[in-house]
Amino acid sequence: MLVLLAVIPLNLLSSMVALIAAPTAASLLGGFGPATGKFIIAGTCAIAPVAGMFVFAILYLGILTDAAMLKAMAHAAVAQMPPAAGRHIPFPFGASLLTTVAAVAFGVLPL
């Protein structure tokens, strides 16, 4: 872990190479040898769904931003706030409302 904190910020390795090479080297130095391949496969299987969700989220939010839908959704959420609430309250309220709507729409938070 400390190796990653040193290698990535100093730009000695790209982040992808560092995140692959550091655990592999630690496993080999730890004496796990042939089991390293099993560790790599198990780790990849464990993070693949999360990586897929990140890719989808980046693509989805990119499309929403390009189509100006994200701004329209944010304005609609903030419009639900009463004017007496002040000017700093609408942002957290709108963000939480937008997050809840998105969670329900994607089935993460079933009602």
Protein backbone atom coordinates (compact mmCIF):
# COMPACT_ATOMS: atom_id res chain seq x y z
CA MET A 1 0.00 0.00 0.00
CA LEU A 2 2.80 2.43 0.83
CA VAL A 3 4.43 1.55 -2.47
CA LEU A 4 1.29 2.68 -4.30
CA LEU A 5 1.24 5.93 -2.32
CA ALA A 6 4.79 6.62 -3.44
CA VAL A 7 4.78 5.34 -7.02
CA ILE A 8 1.56 6.88 -8.33
CA PRO A 9 1.94 10.50 -7.09
CA LEU A 10 5.58 10.61 -8.20
CA ASN A 11 4.53 9.43 -11.70
CA LEU A 12 7.03 6.59 -11.65
CA LEU A 13 4.35 4.27 -13.06
CA SER A 14 0.91 4.81 -14.48
CA SER A 15 -1.84 4.10 -12.00
CA MET A 16 -3.06 1.00 -13.88
CA VAL A 17 0.40 -0.55 -14.03
CA ALA A 18 1.05 0.29 -10.38
CA LEU A 19 -2.27 -1.21 -9.24
CA ILE A 20 -1.44 -4.44 -11.07
CA ALA A 21 2.30 -4.68 -10.45
CA ALA A 22 2.40 -3.81 -6.73
CA PRO A 23 0.05 -6.58 -5.49
CA THR A 24 1.62 -9.08 -7.88
CA ALA A 25 5.12 -8.24 -6.64
CA ALA A 26 3.94 -8.37 -3.00
CA SER A 27 2.43 -11.81 -3.57
CA LEU A 28 5.59 -13.12 -5.20
CA LEU A 29 7.81 -11.60 -2.50
CA GLY A 30 5.51 -13.04 0.16
CA GLY A 31 6.29 -16.53 -1.13
CA PHE A 32 2.91 -17.34 -2.63
CA GLY A 33 4.44 -18.13 -6.04
CA PRO A 34 1.98 -20.30 -8.02
CA ALA A 35 -1.02 -19.08 -6.00
CA THR A 36 -0.48 -15.55 -7.35
CA GLY A 37 -2.47 -16.41 -10.47
CA LYS A 38 -5.40 -17.56 -8.33
CA PHE A 39 -5.22 -14.30 -6.37
CA ILE A 40 -5.30 -12.29 -9.60
CA ILE A 41 -8.33 -14.19 -10.91
CA ALA A 42 -10.18 -13.92 -7.59
CA GLY A 43 -9.46 -10.18 -7.34
CA THR A 44 -10.55 -9.55 -10.91
CA CYS A 45 -13.79 -11.46 -10.35
CA ALA A 46 -14.42 -9.49 -7.16
CA ILE A 47 -13.98 -6.04 -8.72
CA ALA A 48 -15.42 -6.66 -12.20
CA PRO A 49 -19.04 -5.76 -11.26
CA VAL A 50 -17.93 -2.53 -9.59
CA ALA A 51 -15.74 -1.62 -12.56
CA GLY A 52 -18.70 -2.24 -14.86
CA MET A 53 -20.89 0.04 -12.75
CA PHE A 54 -18.25 2.79 -12.88
CA VAL A 55 -18.00 2.54 -16.67
CA PHE A 56 -21.79 2.69 -16.97
CA ALA A 57 -22.01 5.67 -14.59
CA ILE A 58 -19.34 7.58 -16.51
CA LEU A 59 -21.03 6.92 -19.84
CA TYR A 60 -24.52 7.67 -18.50
CA LEU A 61 -23.55 10.93 -16.81
CA GLY A 62 -21.51 11.93 -19.87
CA ILE A 63 -24.54 11.46 -22.10
CA LEU A 64 -26.78 13.34 -19.65
CA THR A 65 -24.30 16.20 -19.49
CA ASP A 66 -23.89 16.43 -23.27
CA ALA A 67 -27.66 16.44 -23.74
CA ALA A 68 -28.04 19.12 -21.00
CA MET A 69 -30.39 16.77 -19.16
CA LEU A 70 -28.31 16.78 -15.97
CA LYS A 71 -28.67 20.56 -15.68
CA ALA A 72 -32.42 20.33 -16.33
CA MET A 73 -32.81 17.62 -13.69
CA ALA A 74 -30.84 19.67 -11.17
CA HIS A 75 -32.93 22.77 -11.87
CA ALA A 76 -36.14 20.74 -11.50
CA ALA A 77 -34.95 19.33 -8.18
CA VAL A 78 -33.96 22.75 -6.85
CA ALA A 79 -37.30 24.21 -8.01
CA GLN A 80 -39.00 21.93 -5.49
CA MET A 81 -37.45 23.93 -2.63
CA PRO A 82 -39.51 26.72 -1.08
CA PRO A 83 -37.95 30.19 -1.56
CA ALA A 84 -37.93 30.80 2.19
CA ALA A 85 -35.31 28.08 2.62
CA GLY A 86 -32.48 30.42 1.69
CA ARG A 87 -29.92 30.20 -1.07
CA HIS A 88 -27.59 27.53 0.38
CA ILE A 89 -30.18 24.89 1.28
CA PRO A 90 -31.32 23.99 -2.28
CA PHE A 91 -28.05 22.36 -3.32
CA PRO A 92 -27.98 19.54 -0.72
CA PHE A 93 -31.72 19.07 -1.05
CA GLY A 94 -31.55 18.93 -4.84
CA ALA A 95 -28.57 16.60 -4.79
CA SER A 96 -30.26 14.20 -2.39
CA LEU A 97 -33.51 14.29 -4.38
CA LEU A 98 -31.66 13.65 -7.64
CA THR A 99 -29.70 10.79 -6.07
CA THR A 100 -32.86 9.21 -4.68
CA VAL A 101 -34.66 9.45 -8.02
CA ALA A 102 -31.66 7.92 -9.82
CA ALA A 103 -31.39 5.12 -7.22
CA VAL A 104 -35.06 4.24 -7.60
CA ALA A 105 -34.82 4.43 -11.40
CA PHE A 106 -31.88 2.00 -11.50
CA GLY A 107 -33.38 -0.37 -8.93
CA VAL A 108 -30.72 0.29 -6.32
CA LEU A 109 -33.28 1.61 -3.86
CA PRO A 110 -36.55 -0.23 -4.50
CA LEU A 111 -39.70 1.33 -3.11
